[in-house]
Amino acid sequence: MKTDIAYYALLDRQNEVLKQLTHDEKNHLSTIKALANDPNVDAYIDSIYGEISYHSMLVIPIISTSILC
């Protein structure tokens, strides 16, 4: 039972970190776009911005977990 609580606390923390990473990545791209003043940069950021999501960030722990197993 104690192990389950610790495990779920770890998962909750990882969830919060992934949400923060997604948020930060989108903010960085928005800032780069605003500062670049270049249509090519705008087009590139627009093309990838929609692909960045919390769910896409879940691949990182899944891949690392599968490698460890």
C-alpha atoms as a PDB file:
ATOM      1  CA  MET A   1       0.000   0.000   0.000  1.00  0.00           C
ATOM      2  CA  LYS A   2       2.825   2.392   0.883  1.00  0.00           C
ATOM      3  CA  THR A   3       4.544   1.538  -2.389  1.00  0.00           C
ATOM      4  CA  ASP A   4       1.345   2.253  -4.321  1.00  0.00           C
ATOM      5  CA  ILE A   5       1.021   5.684  -2.707  1.00  0.00           C
ATOM      6  CA  ALA A   6       4.630   6.520  -3.526  1.00  0.00           C
ATOM      7  CA  TYR A   7       4.203   5.283  -7.094  1.00  0.00           C
ATOM      8  CA  TYR A   8       1.094   7.378  -7.667  1.00  0.00           C
ATOM      9  CA  ALA A   9       2.789  10.406  -6.138  1.00  0.00           C
ATOM     10  CA  LEU A  10       5.666   9.914  -8.579  1.00  0.00           C
ATOM     11  CA  LEU A  11       3.246   9.623 -11.511  1.00  0.00           C
ATOM     12  CA  ASP A  12       1.461  12.767 -10.377  1.00  0.00           C
ATOM     13  CA  ARG A  13       4.757  14.657 -10.205  1.00  0.00           C
ATOM     14  CA  GLN A  14       5.772  13.428 -13.674  1.00  0.00           C
ATOM     15  CA  ASN A  15       2.381  14.563 -14.970  1.00  0.00           C
ATOM     16  CA  GLU A  16       2.933  18.061 -13.588  1.00  0.00           C
ATOM     17  CA  VAL A  17       6.437  18.226 -15.069  1.00  0.00           C
ATOM     18  CA  LEU A  18       5.140  17.216 -18.504  1.00  0.00           C
ATOM     19  CA  LYS A  19       2.417  19.864 -18.351  1.00  0.00           C
ATOM     20  CA  GLN A  20       5.009  22.496 -17.426  1.00  0.00           C
ATOM     21  CA  LEU A  21       7.341  21.399 -20.242  1.00  0.00           C
ATOM     22  CA  THR A  22       4.515  21.669 -22.763  1.00  0.00           C
ATOM     23  CA  HIS A  23       3.596  25.112 -21.475  1.00  0.00           C
ATOM     24  CA  ASP A  24       7.203  26.321 -21.522  1.00  0.00           C
ATOM     25  CA  GLU A  25       7.885  24.957 -25.007  1.00  0.00           C
ATOM     26  CA  LYS A  26       4.852  26.747 -26.431  1.00  0.00           C
ATOM     27  CA  ASN A  27       5.845  29.977 -24.694  1.00  0.00           C
ATOM     28  CA  HIS A  28       9.387  29.756 -26.073  1.00  0.00           C
ATOM     29  CA  LEU A  29       8.109  29.231 -29.595  1.00  0.00           C
ATOM     30  CA  SER A  30       5.730  32.180 -29.273  1.00  0.00           C
ATOM     31  CA  THR A  31       8.594  34.372 -28.087  1.00  0.00           C
ATOM     32  CA  ILE A  32      10.901  33.244 -30.896  1.00  0.00           C
ATOM     33  CA  LYS A  33       8.154  33.944 -33.418  1.00  0.00           C
ATOM     34  CA  ALA A  34       7.543  37.419 -31.993  1.00  0.00           C
ATOM     35  CA  LEU A  35      11.236  38.321 -31.982  1.00  0.00           C
ATOM     36  CA  ALA A  36      12.247  36.752 -35.292  1.00  0.00           C
ATOM     37  CA  ASN A  37      10.165  38.958 -37.555  1.00  0.00           C
ATOM     38  CA  ASP A  38      10.793  36.482 -40.368  1.00  0.00           C
ATOM     39  CA  PRO A  39       7.988  34.882 -42.405  1.00  0.00           C
ATOM     40  CA  ASN A  40       9.960  31.624 -42.728  1.00  0.00           C
ATOM     41  CA  VAL A  41      10.288  31.346 -38.949  1.00  0.00           C
ATOM     42  CA  ASP A  42       6.593  32.171 -38.553  1.00  0.00           C
ATOM     43  CA  ALA A  43       5.626  29.458 -41.025  1.00  0.00           C
ATOM     44  CA  TYR A  44       7.848  26.869 -39.364  1.00  0.00           C
ATOM     45  CA  ILE A  45       6.590  27.621 -35.849  1.00  0.00           C
ATOM     46  CA  ASP A  46       2.983  27.625 -37.046  1.00  0.00           C
ATOM     47  CA  SER A  47       3.546  24.193 -38.611  1.00  0.00           C
ATOM     48  CA  ILE A  48       4.861  22.611 -35.397  1.00  0.00           C
ATOM     49  CA  TYR A  49       2.997  24.582 -32.730  1.00  0.00           C
ATOM     50  CA  GLY A  50      -0.202  22.554 -33.049  1.00  0.00           C
ATOM     51  CA  GLU A  51       1.722  19.298 -32.728  1.00  0.00           C
ATOM     52  CA  ILE A  52       3.050  20.200 -29.299  1.00  0.00           C
ATOM     53  CA  SER A  53       0.742  18.858 -26.675  1.00  0.00           C
ATOM     54  CA  TYR A  54       0.773  17.219 -23.305  1.00  0.00           C
ATOM     55  CA  HIS A  55       0.068  13.894 -25.009  1.00  0.00           C
ATOM     56  CA  SER A  56       3.032  14.203 -27.365  1.00  0.00           C
ATOM     57  CA  MET A  57       5.253  14.763 -24.328  1.00  0.00           C
ATOM     58  CA  LEU A  58       4.087  11.442 -22.845  1.00  0.00           C
ATOM     59  CA  VAL A  59       6.272   9.611 -25.363  1.00  0.00           C
ATOM     60  CA  ILE A  60       9.411  10.546 -23.412  1.00  0.00           C
ATOM     61  CA  PRO A  61       8.656   8.536 -20.231  1.00  0.00           C
ATOM     62  CA  ILE A  62       7.130   5.682 -22.234  1.00  0.00           C
ATOM     63  CA  ILE A  63      10.275   5.304 -24.328  1.00  0.00           C
ATOM     64  CA  SER A  64      12.568   5.571 -21.296  1.00  0.00           C
ATOM     65  CA  THR A  65      10.475   3.041 -19.390  1.00  0.00           C
ATOM     66  CA  SER A  66      10.448   0.577 -22.273  1.00  0.00           C
ATOM     67  CA  ILE A  67      14.237   0.844 -22.599  1.00  0.00           C
ATOM     68  CA  LEU A  68      14.691   0.120 -18.896  1.00  0.00           C
ATOM     69  CA  CYS A  69      12.395  -2.899 -19.016  1.00  0.00           C
END
